Amino acid sequence: MQDNIFNKFFIAVLFIFSGILMGILLSPYISTAGVQILLGMGAFLMVIAIYSAVRIFITGQRKILKSPEESNKKTEVGFVVDTFQELVGNLKEKERELEKLRAIAEDRAVRMETYNENILQSVPSGVVSIDSLFKIRSMNQAAEKILGISAGDAIKKDCAAVFDEPFLNIIGGNKIINRGEYPYVTRGGRHIWLGVTTSQLKNAVNESIGFILIFTDLTDVRALQVQVELKKRFAQLGEMSAGIAHEIRNPMSVIAGYARLLDKKAEARDKTAVKGILTEIKNIDEIISEFLAFAKPTDLNKATLNLQGLIEETVATVIGDNPKIKISIKSGKPLSVMGDEILLRQAFTNLFTNAVDAMPDGGNLDIGLNGLSEGAEIIIRDSGCGIPEREKQKIFLPFYTTKQKGIGLGLAIVQKVIVSHSGSIEVESREGEGSKFRIILPLIRSS
């Protein structure tokens, strides 16, 4: 192609050069005017020739540039560029899809975490997780309510700074407990019973990373068990008492009859002895009557009672004008209970009498009334001599007494009355430090 263009260009130049040469050879034979015309025609032809040569050259170059080889090269480059752009577009589309999938996964993870947290917070049992460094990692709402501890005040803190026994012993020893029952004192001073289960906290590869405490408030269940046990005991005691009273009263009646006959026939110097026999027989009969009255089932005549008013009247009757006893009654809002006024008055009278007897030289009698979730709480605290530890477990037993007078039914009657009202009574005391009785009675809730 290039050779063809060169040939055409060479012919055009040769043609021009031949014309100029012919003009030069003929110029001697032509006039001056003819020479000028010939030269002008030659110049014109030269310009046309040069223009044609340039045009031919440019046209040839364009054809060269549009040759199949160059077109193929241009097509290959375009294909590569188009493919690259398509690949970039696909990558961007995949990036957008991956971003969408990541957002969906994150949303699902958040929703799953929220769902699991909702489950944990809705569980009625207390759940506390502890890491390997004995730091509290989580605590649900039930745990806060049972222990009286705010999760915000406990999380990320050491167990020793938050919990008391028996939790510290359980956690410190990494004890795995399937089901255990333990007494516990909350931060608010509540005495409760906990059903505790523990387990190791493990990760996805089954490695131990901490400890889990699961516990339930068994206070009401334990109180119900105590009530059922006491009622069962009282029923058995009543059956036994009836038989014993029958077996004792029959011979006692015979002895009393003979003593009266002897009193009529005895001489004056023997009258004192006979009267003593009759007096002791009468005392024994009264004891048997009280015992039977204690042992028989209690029929309650319930009515709505103002607890504070009942206690104020009872303590005023027992203490009277005794200047040695300082009385303090603290109460919040009015508390109402459904109970037998006569029996409750008898129970509180026995408690206040015991408190006064424990303070022969005077002291303080503090009474507190509180409305709690489990019922109406009555705290009776004295500053008396206290109860020795060895005797504290026996004070509610019938006929157990440390007094020179009395038959030992006072606190037994108190316990029976409280239990018959579906309540509970506990005692805390140390010798020389006074005693505290804590009573819980079912509370009438105001709507």
Protein backbone atom coordinates (compact mmCIF):
# COMPACT_ATOMS: atom_id res chain seq x y z
CA MET A 1 0.00 0.00 0.00
CA GLN A 2 2.75 2.39 0.92
CA ASP A 3 4.62 1.52 -2.34
CA ASN A 4 1.56 2.39 -4.44
CA ILE A 5 1.24 5.80 -2.84
CA PHE A 6 4.96 6.45 -3.32
CA ASN A 7 4.71 5.56 -7.02
CA LYS A 8 1.85 7.94 -7.60
CA PHE A 9 3.70 10.69 -5.81
CA PHE A 10 6.88 10.02 -7.85
CA ILE A 11 4.95 10.14 -11.15
CA ALA A 12 3.34 13.45 -10.22
CA VAL A 13 6.72 14.97 -9.36
CA LEU A 14 8.29 13.60 -12.53
CA PHE A 15 5.44 15.04 -14.56
CA ILE A 16 5.96 18.47 -13.03
CA PHE A 17 9.71 18.30 -13.45
CA SER A 18 9.27 17.32 -17.14
CA GLY A 19 6.96 20.25 -17.70
CA ILE A 20 9.40 22.68 -16.13
CA LEU A 21 12.29 21.22 -18.15
CA MET A 22 10.30 21.51 -21.39
CA GLY A 23 9.48 25.12 -20.56
CA ILE A 24 13.14 25.89 -19.99
CA LEU A 25 14.13 24.29 -23.30
CA LEU A 26 11.45 26.16 -25.26
CA SER A 27 11.94 29.48 -23.52
CA PRO A 28 14.59 30.80 -26.08
CA TYR A 29 12.16 30.42 -28.91
CA ILE A 30 9.23 32.03 -27.13
CA SER A 31 8.68 35.74 -26.57
CA THR A 32 8.91 37.26 -23.15
CA ALA A 33 5.15 37.33 -22.81
CA GLY A 34 4.95 33.70 -23.82
CA VAL A 35 7.60 32.78 -21.23
CA GLN A 36 5.65 34.43 -18.48
CA ILE A 37 2.50 32.60 -19.51
CA LEU A 38 4.37 29.32 -19.66
CA LEU A 39 5.97 29.90 -16.26
CA GLY A 40 2.59 30.82 -14.78
CA MET A 41 1.06 27.65 -16.16
CA GLY A 42 3.99 25.65 -14.82
CA ALA A 43 3.62 27.23 -11.34
CA PHE A 44 -0.09 26.50 -11.41
CA LEU A 45 0.50 22.91 -12.39
CA MET A 46 3.16 22.62 -9.67
CA VAL A 47 0.72 23.88 -7.01
CA ILE A 48 -1.91 21.44 -8.25
CA ALA A 49 0.63 18.65 -8.24
CA ILE A 50 1.84 19.45 -4.72
CA TYR A 51 -1.75 19.68 -3.45
CA SER A 52 -2.60 16.38 -5.09
CA ALA A 53 0.51 14.74 -3.66
CA VAL A 54 -0.28 15.96 -0.16
CA ARG A 55 -3.90 14.83 -0.52
CA ILE A 56 -2.78 11.44 -1.74
CA PHE A 57 -0.32 11.15 1.12
CA ILE A 58 -2.93 12.04 3.75
CA THR A 59 -5.45 9.65 2.22
CA GLY A 60 -2.88 6.90 2.24
CA GLN A 61 -2.04 7.49 5.85
CA ARG A 62 -5.70 7.31 6.76
CA LYS A 63 -6.02 4.04 4.99
CA ILE A 64 -2.93 2.79 6.72
CA LEU A 65 -4.42 3.79 10.09
CA LYS A 66 -7.64 1.99 9.13
CA SER A 67 -5.87 -1.17 8.15
CA PRO A 68 -7.27 -4.50 9.55
CA GLU A 69 -4.28 -5.01 11.81
CA GLU A 70 -4.75 -1.67 13.50
CA SER A 71 -8.51 -2.27 13.71
CA ASN A 72 -7.89 -5.61 15.35
CA LYS A 73 -5.55 -4.01 17.84
CA LYS A 74 -8.11 -1.31 18.59
CA THR A 75 -10.85 -3.96 19.02
CA GLU A 76 -8.70 -6.00 21.44
CA VAL A 77 -7.93 -2.95 23.58
CA GLY A 78 -11.62 -2.01 23.65
CA PHE A 79 -12.56 -5.58 24.68
CA VAL A 80 -10.04 -5.48 27.53
CA VAL A 81 -11.31 -2.08 28.67
CA ASP A 82 -14.94 -3.17 28.44
CA THR A 83 -14.20 -6.40 30.30
CA PHE A 84 -12.36 -4.52 33.04
CA GLN A 85 -15.21 -2.05 33.40
CA GLU A 86 -17.72 -4.90 33.53
CA LEU A 87 -15.60 -6.67 36.17
CA VAL A 88 -15.41 -3.48 38.25
CA GLY A 89 -19.19 -3.10 37.96
CA ASN A 90 -19.70 -6.70 39.08
CA LEU A 91 -17.33 -6.21 42.01
CA LYS A 92 -19.21 -3.11 43.09
CA GLU A 93 -22.49 -4.99 42.83
CA LYS A 94 -21.05 -7.83 44.94
CA GLU A 95 -19.76 -5.27 47.42
CA ARG A 96 -23.25 -3.82 47.73
CA GLU A 97 -24.69 -7.31 48.22
CA LEU A 98 -22.07 -8.14 50.86
CA GLU A 99 -22.80 -4.85 52.65
CA LYS A 100 -26.49 -5.69 52.63
CA LEU A 101 -25.79 -9.20 53.96
CA ARG A 102 -23.50 -7.76 56.67
CA ALA A 103 -26.25 -5.34 57.73
CA ILE A 104 -28.75 -8.21 57.85
CA ALA A 105 -26.34 -10.35 59.92
CA GLU A 106 -25.66 -7.51 62.34
CA ASP A 107 -29.37 -6.82 62.70
CA ARG A 108 -30.03 -10.51 63.32
CA ALA A 109 -27.25 -10.64 65.92
CA VAL A 110 -28.66 -7.58 67.69
CA ARG A 111 -32.17 -9.02 67.62
CA MET A 112 -30.93 -12.38 68.89
CA GLU A 113 -28.95 -10.70 71.67
CA THR A 114 -32.00 -8.62 72.61
CA TYR A 115 -34.20 -11.72 72.51
CA ASN A 116 -31.81 -13.67 74.75
CA GLU A 117 -31.60 -10.69 77.12
CA ASN A 118 -35.40 -10.50 77.25
CA ILE A 119 -35.56 -14.21 78.09
CA LEU A 120 -32.96 -13.78 80.83
CA GLN A 121 -34.76 -10.78 82.32
CA SER A 122 -38.12 -12.58 82.20
CA VAL A 123 -36.94 -15.70 84.05
CA PRO A 124 -38.49 -15.72 87.56
CA SER A 125 -35.34 -17.21 89.07
CA GLY A 126 -32.30 -15.10 89.86
CA VAL A 127 -29.43 -15.59 87.38
CA VAL A 128 -25.92 -14.19 87.95
CA SER A 129 -22.92 -14.83 85.69
CA ILE A 130 -19.38 -14.54 87.05
CA ASP A 131 -16.14 -14.58 85.03
CA SER A 132 -12.94 -16.45 85.82
CA LEU A 133 -11.64 -13.48 87.82
CA PHE A 134 -14.70 -13.61 90.11
CA LYS A 135 -16.11 -10.43 88.61
CA ILE A 136 -19.89 -10.20 88.19
CA ARG A 137 -20.71 -9.97 84.47
CA SER A 138 -24.51 -9.97 84.45
CA MET A 139 -27.50 -10.01 86.81
CA ASN A 140 -31.16 -10.27 85.82
CA GLN A 141 -34.12 -8.45 87.37
CA ALA A 142 -35.19 -11.44 89.48
CA ALA A 143 -31.73 -11.54 91.09
CA GLU A 144 -31.94 -7.82 91.86
CA LYS A 145 -35.35 -8.26 93.50
CA ILE A 146 -34.45 -11.37 95.51
CA LEU A 147 -31.10 -10.11 96.82
CA GLY A 148 -32.04 -6.45 97.11
CA ILE A 149 -29.03 -5.45 94.98
CA SER A 150 -29.02 -3.17 91.94
CA ALA A 151 -27.35 -4.63 88.85
CA GLY A 152 -25.67 -1.28 88.21
CA ASP A 153 -24.01 -1.49 91.62
CA ALA A 154 -22.89 -5.10 91.16
CA ILE A 155 -21.76 -5.64 87.56
CA LYS A 156 -17.96 -5.58 87.04
CA LYS A 157 -17.38 -5.71 90.80
CA ASP A 158 -15.72 -8.48 92.77
CA CYS A 159 -18.08 -11.05 94.29
CA ALA A 160 -16.66 -10.45 97.76
CA ALA A 161 -17.77 -6.81 97.57
CA VAL A 162 -21.35 -7.72 96.64
CA PHE A 163 -22.31 -11.13 98.06
CA ASP A 164 -22.32 -12.64 101.54
CA GLU A 165 -22.33 -16.24 102.66
CA PRO A 166 -23.18 -18.81 101.47
CA PHE A 167 -22.50 -17.43 97.97
CA LEU A 168 -18.89 -16.57 98.73
CA ASN A 169 -18.16 -20.11 99.90
CA ILE A 170 -19.93 -21.61 96.89
CA ILE A 171 -18.21 -19.36 94.34
CA GLY A 172 -14.79 -19.50 95.98
CA GLY A 173 -14.83 -23.29 95.97
CA ASN A 174 -16.29 -23.57 92.44
CA LYS A 175 -18.92 -25.86 93.93
CA ILE A 176 -21.34 -27.42 91.48
CA ILE A 177 -24.69 -27.66 93.29
CA ASN A 178 -27.63 -29.43 91.72
CA ARG A 179 -30.16 -28.20 94.27
CA GLY A 180 -29.32 -26.74 97.67
CA GLU A 181 -31.22 -24.69 100.23
CA TYR A 182 -29.43 -21.96 102.17
CA PRO A 183 -30.41 -19.11 104.52
CA TYR A 184 -29.42 -15.65 103.29
CA VAL A 185 -29.62 -12.13 104.69
CA THR A 186 -30.26 -9.48 102.03
CA ARG A 187 -28.82 -5.96 102.02
CA GLY A 188 -32.17 -4.78 103.34
CA GLY A 189 -31.90 -7.10 106.35
CA ARG A 190 -34.45 -9.65 105.10
CA HIS A 191 -33.92 -13.23 106.23
CA ILE A 192 -34.72 -15.46 103.29
CA TRP A 193 -34.20 -19.01 102.12
CA LEU A 194 -32.68 -19.63 98.69
CA GLY A 195 -32.82 -22.68 96.49
CA VAL A 196 -29.43 -22.57 94.72
CA THR A 197 -28.17 -24.31 91.58
CA THR A 198 -24.73 -23.65 90.09
CA SER A 199 -22.88 -24.63 86.90
CA GLN A 200 -19.74 -23.84 84.94
CA LEU A 201 -20.01 -21.17 82.24
CA LYS A 202 -18.37 -22.48 79.04
CA ASN A 203 -17.58 -21.04 75.62
CA ALA A 204 -18.11 -22.53 72.13
CA VAL A 205 -15.09 -24.85 72.45
CA ASN A 206 -16.24 -26.14 75.86
CA GLU A 207 -13.66 -24.17 77.84
CA SER A 208 -14.64 -22.94 81.29
CA ILE A 209 -14.82 -19.13 81.32
CA GLY A 210 -16.76 -18.53 84.51
CA PHE A 211 -19.55 -19.52 86.84
CA ILE A 212 -23.35 -19.26 86.86
CA LEU A 213 -25.55 -18.89 89.95
CA ILE A 214 -29.25 -19.69 89.63
CA PHE A 215 -31.41 -19.24 92.72
CA THR A 216 -35.05 -19.02 93.78
CA ASP A 217 -36.63 -17.39 96.82
CA LEU A 218 -37.99 -20.27 98.92
CA THR A 219 -38.95 -18.14 101.91
CA ASP A 220 -42.69 -18.48 101.35
CA VAL A 221 -42.36 -22.18 100.60
CA ARG A 222 -40.31 -22.75 103.74
CA ALA A 223 -42.79 -20.74 105.81
CA LEU A 224 -45.62 -22.82 104.39
CA GLN A 225 -43.71 -26.01 105.16
CA VAL A 226 -43.17 -24.83 108.74
CA GLN A 227 -46.85 -23.98 109.08
CA VAL A 228 -47.92 -27.36 107.74
CA GLU A 229 -45.43 -29.12 110.00
CA LEU A 230 -46.56 -27.17 113.06
CA LYS A 231 -50.23 -27.74 112.33
CA LYS A 232 -49.51 -31.43 111.91
CA ARG A 233 -47.59 -31.42 115.18
CA PHE A 234 -50.39 -29.59 116.97
CA ALA A 235 -52.93 -32.10 115.64
CA GLN A 236 -50.83 -35.02 116.86
CA LEU A 237 -50.28 -33.25 120.16
CA GLY A 238 -54.02 -32.74 120.54
CA GLU A 239 -54.75 -36.42 120.00
CA MET A 240 -52.03 -37.41 122.43
CA SER A 241 -53.11 -34.79 124.98
CA ALA A 242 -56.67 -35.99 125.02
CA GLY A 243 -55.52 -39.52 125.83
CA ILE A 244 -53.03 -38.36 128.47
CA ALA A 245 -55.57 -36.03 130.09
CA HIS A 246 -58.09 -38.84 130.27
CA GLU A 247 -55.58 -41.24 131.84
CA ILE A 248 -54.40 -38.62 134.36
CA ARG A 249 -57.70 -37.01 135.28
CA ASN A 250 -59.42 -40.26 136.22
CA PRO A 251 -56.95 -41.21 138.98
CA MET A 252 -56.63 -37.54 139.95
CA SER A 253 -60.39 -37.39 140.49
CA VAL A 254 -60.18 -40.46 142.71
CA ILE A 255 -57.27 -38.93 144.69
CA ALA A 256 -59.17 -35.65 145.04
CA GLY A 257 -62.21 -37.55 146.34
CA TYR A 258 -60.20 -39.41 148.97
CA ALA A 259 -58.46 -36.15 149.97
CA ARG A 260 -61.83 -34.46 150.60
CA LEU A 261 -62.98 -37.40 152.72
CA LEU A 262 -59.70 -37.28 154.59
CA ASP A 263 -60.13 -33.56 155.10
CA LYS A 264 -63.44 -34.15 156.84
CA LYS A 265 -62.09 -36.82 159.17
CA ALA A 266 -58.55 -35.52 159.70
CA GLU A 267 -57.53 -33.92 162.93
CA ALA A 268 -56.58 -30.25 163.01
CA ARG A 269 -52.86 -30.94 162.86
CA ASP A 270 -53.36 -32.91 159.61
CA LYS A 271 -55.65 -30.40 157.95
CA THR A 272 -52.73 -28.40 156.48
CA ALA A 273 -51.26 -31.43 154.71
CA VAL A 274 -54.64 -32.44 153.31
CA LYS A 275 -55.32 -28.93 152.02
CA GLY A 276 -51.88 -28.95 150.37
CA ILE A 277 -52.79 -32.16 148.57
CA LEU A 278 -56.05 -30.64 147.33
CA THR A 279 -54.24 -27.47 146.18
CA GLU A 280 -51.69 -29.41 144.14
CA ILE A 281 -54.44 -31.53 142.61
CA LYS A 282 -56.19 -28.32 141.56
CA ASN A 283 -52.98 -26.96 140.03
CA ILE A 284 -52.43 -30.16 138.08
CA ASP A 285 -55.99 -30.01 136.81
CA GLU A 286 -55.46 -26.41 135.62
CA ILE A 287 -52.28 -27.44 133.84
CA ILE A 288 -54.12 -30.24 132.09
CA SER A 289 -56.90 -27.84 131.09
CA GLU A 290 -54.40 -25.34 129.67
CA PHE A 291 -52.59 -28.08 127.87
CA LEU A 292 -55.80 -29.31 126.28
CA ALA A 293 -56.76 -25.77 125.34
CA PHE A 294 -53.35 -25.31 123.70
CA ALA A 295 -53.46 -28.63 121.87
CA LYS A 296 -56.98 -28.48 120.46
CA PRO A 297 -57.53 -27.04 116.95
CA THR A 298 -57.93 -23.27 116.86
CA ASP A 299 -61.12 -21.85 115.43
CA LEU A 300 -60.47 -18.32 114.20
CA ASN A 301 -63.09 -15.60 114.34
CA LYS A 302 -61.49 -13.33 111.74
CA ALA A 303 -62.17 -9.65 111.17
CA THR A 304 -60.31 -6.72 109.64
CA LEU A 305 -57.93 -5.31 112.28
CA ASN A 306 -55.88 -2.14 112.49
CA LEU A 307 -52.54 -3.65 113.43
CA GLN A 308 -50.98 -0.52 114.93
CA GLY A 309 -54.05 0.21 117.06
CA LEU A 310 -54.15 -3.39 118.34
CA ILE A 311 -50.47 -3.30 119.32
CA GLU A 312 -50.69 0.12 120.98
CA GLU A 313 -53.63 -1.00 123.12
CA THR A 314 -51.94 -4.29 124.05
CA VAL A 315 -48.60 -2.76 125.01
CA ALA A 316 -50.33 -0.07 127.06
CA THR A 317 -52.22 -2.77 128.98
CA VAL A 318 -49.04 -4.78 129.70
CA ILE A 319 -46.66 -1.91 130.51
CA GLY A 320 -49.16 0.37 132.23
CA ASP A 321 -47.42 3.15 134.11
CA ASN A 322 -44.11 1.33 134.54
CA PRO A 323 -41.57 4.19 134.43
CA LYS A 324 -38.64 1.82 133.93
CA ILE A 325 -39.74 0.74 130.45
CA LYS A 326 -39.32 3.17 127.54
CA ILE A 327 -41.62 2.34 124.65
CA SER A 328 -41.00 3.27 121.01
CA ILE A 329 -43.48 2.40 118.24
CA LYS A 330 -42.48 3.20 114.65
CA SER A 331 -44.88 2.66 111.80
CA GLY A 332 -45.24 3.86 108.23
CA LYS A 333 -48.59 3.78 106.51
CA PRO A 334 -51.52 2.09 108.33
CA LEU A 335 -51.49 -1.71 108.09
CA SER A 336 -54.58 -3.90 108.16
CA VAL A 337 -54.69 -7.66 108.72
CA MET A 338 -57.45 -10.22 108.74
CA GLY A 339 -57.32 -12.03 112.08
CA ASP A 340 -58.85 -13.09 115.36
CA GLU A 341 -58.53 -10.07 117.66
CA ILE A 342 -58.71 -12.05 120.92
CA LEU A 343 -56.04 -14.57 119.89
CA LEU A 344 -53.69 -11.95 118.41
CA ARG A 345 -54.09 -9.80 121.53
CA GLN A 346 -53.19 -12.87 123.63
CA ALA A 347 -50.10 -13.54 121.49
CA PHE A 348 -48.83 -9.95 121.68
CA THR A 349 -49.57 -9.84 125.43
CA ASN A 350 -47.34 -12.90 125.97
CA LEU A 351 -44.53 -11.34 123.91
CA PHE A 352 -44.68 -7.98 125.72
CA THR A 353 -44.87 -9.72 129.11
CA ASN A 354 -41.76 -11.77 128.31
CA ALA A 355 -39.96 -8.59 127.23
CA VAL A 356 -40.80 -6.85 130.51
CA ASP A 357 -39.74 -9.92 132.50
CA ALA A 358 -36.39 -9.87 130.64
CA MET A 359 -35.79 -6.26 131.83
CA PRO A 360 -36.33 -6.34 135.62
CA ASP A 361 -34.28 -3.17 136.03
CA GLY A 362 -35.95 -1.42 133.13
CA GLY A 363 -34.94 -0.90 129.51
CA ASN A 364 -36.16 -0.14 126.01
CA LEU A 365 -39.00 -1.83 124.18
CA ASP A 366 -38.92 -0.95 120.48
CA ILE A 367 -41.74 -1.97 118.14
CA GLY A 368 -41.58 -1.52 114.38
CA LEU A 369 -44.32 -2.06 111.80
CA ASN A 370 -43.59 -2.37 108.08
CA GLY A 371 -45.53 -3.35 104.99
CA LEU A 372 -43.41 -5.77 102.94
CA SER A 373 -44.04 -7.81 99.83
CA GLU A 374 -44.48 -10.95 101.94
CA GLY A 375 -46.87 -9.32 104.43
CA ALA A 376 -47.08 -7.14 107.52
CA GLU A 377 -43.82 -7.24 109.49
CA ILE A 378 -43.86 -6.71 113.27
CA ILE A 379 -40.49 -6.32 114.99
CA ILE A 380 -40.45 -6.49 118.82
CA ARG A 381 -37.04 -5.73 120.30
CA ASP A 382 -36.05 -5.49 123.96
CA SER A 383 -32.81 -4.58 125.71
CA GLY A 384 -33.08 -7.36 128.26
CA CYS A 385 -30.89 -10.24 129.28
CA GLY A 386 -31.27 -12.14 126.00
CA ILE A 387 -31.58 -15.87 125.39
CA PRO A 388 -28.61 -18.27 125.58
CA GLU A 389 -27.82 -19.98 122.29
CA ARG A 390 -28.46 -23.44 123.73
CA GLU A 391 -32.00 -22.43 124.74
CA LYS A 392 -32.99 -20.43 121.64
CA GLN A 393 -34.13 -23.50 119.70
CA LYS A 394 -36.38 -24.63 122.57
CA ILE A 395 -38.31 -21.50 123.48
CA PHE A 396 -41.35 -22.38 121.36
CA LEU A 397 -41.66 -25.89 122.81
CA PRO A 398 -44.65 -26.48 125.11
CA PHE A 399 -43.81 -26.59 128.83
CA TYR A 400 -40.27 -25.33 128.30
CA THR A 401 -39.51 -22.40 130.56
CA THR A 402 -36.57 -20.84 132.37
CA LYS A 403 -38.80 -18.91 134.78
CA GLN A 404 -39.46 -19.97 138.34
CA LYS A 405 -43.17 -19.43 137.80
CA GLY A 406 -45.23 -20.44 134.81
CA ILE A 407 -45.76 -23.65 132.88
CA GLY A 408 -43.93 -22.73 129.66
CA LEU A 409 -46.84 -22.32 127.28
CA GLY A 410 -46.52 -18.58 126.60
CA LEU A 411 -44.32 -18.63 123.48
CA ALA A 412 -45.80 -21.94 122.35
CA ILE A 413 -49.21 -20.25 122.30
CA VAL A 414 -47.73 -17.26 120.46
CA GLN A 415 -46.32 -19.52 117.75
CA LYS A 416 -49.59 -21.44 117.46
CA VAL A 417 -51.63 -18.26 117.08
CA ILE A 418 -49.28 -16.79 114.45
CA VAL A 419 -49.12 -20.04 112.48
CA SER A 420 -52.91 -20.43 112.62
CA HIS A 421 -53.08 -17.00 110.94
CA SER A 422 -50.78 -18.32 108.14
CA GLY A 423 -47.93 -16.20 109.50
CA SER A 424 -44.42 -16.87 110.76
CA ILE A 425 -42.32 -15.94 113.79
CA GLU A 426 -38.54 -15.88 114.18
CA VAL A 427 -36.25 -14.92 117.04
CA GLU A 428 -32.78 -13.40 117.13
CA SER A 429 -31.07 -13.12 120.47
CA ARG A 430 -27.72 -13.15 122.20
CA GLU A 431 -27.19 -13.54 125.87
CA GLY A 432 -26.78 -10.12 127.48
CA GLU A 433 -27.77 -8.23 124.30
CA GLY A 434 -31.54 -8.49 124.30
CA SER A 435 -33.94 -10.27 121.95
CA LYS A 436 -35.73 -9.49 118.70
CA PHE A 437 -38.90 -11.25 117.56
CA ARG A 438 -39.90 -10.87 113.91
CA ILE A 439 -43.48 -11.70 113.00
CA ILE A 440 -45.02 -11.80 109.53
CA LEU A 441 -48.81 -11.75 109.12
CA PRO A 442 -50.78 -11.75 105.85
CA LEU A 443 -51.46 -8.15 104.86
CA ILE A 444 -54.70 -6.78 103.44
CA ARG A 445 -53.60 -4.87 100.34
CA SER A 446 -55.30 -1.60 99.59
CA SER A 447 -56.55 -1.43 95.98
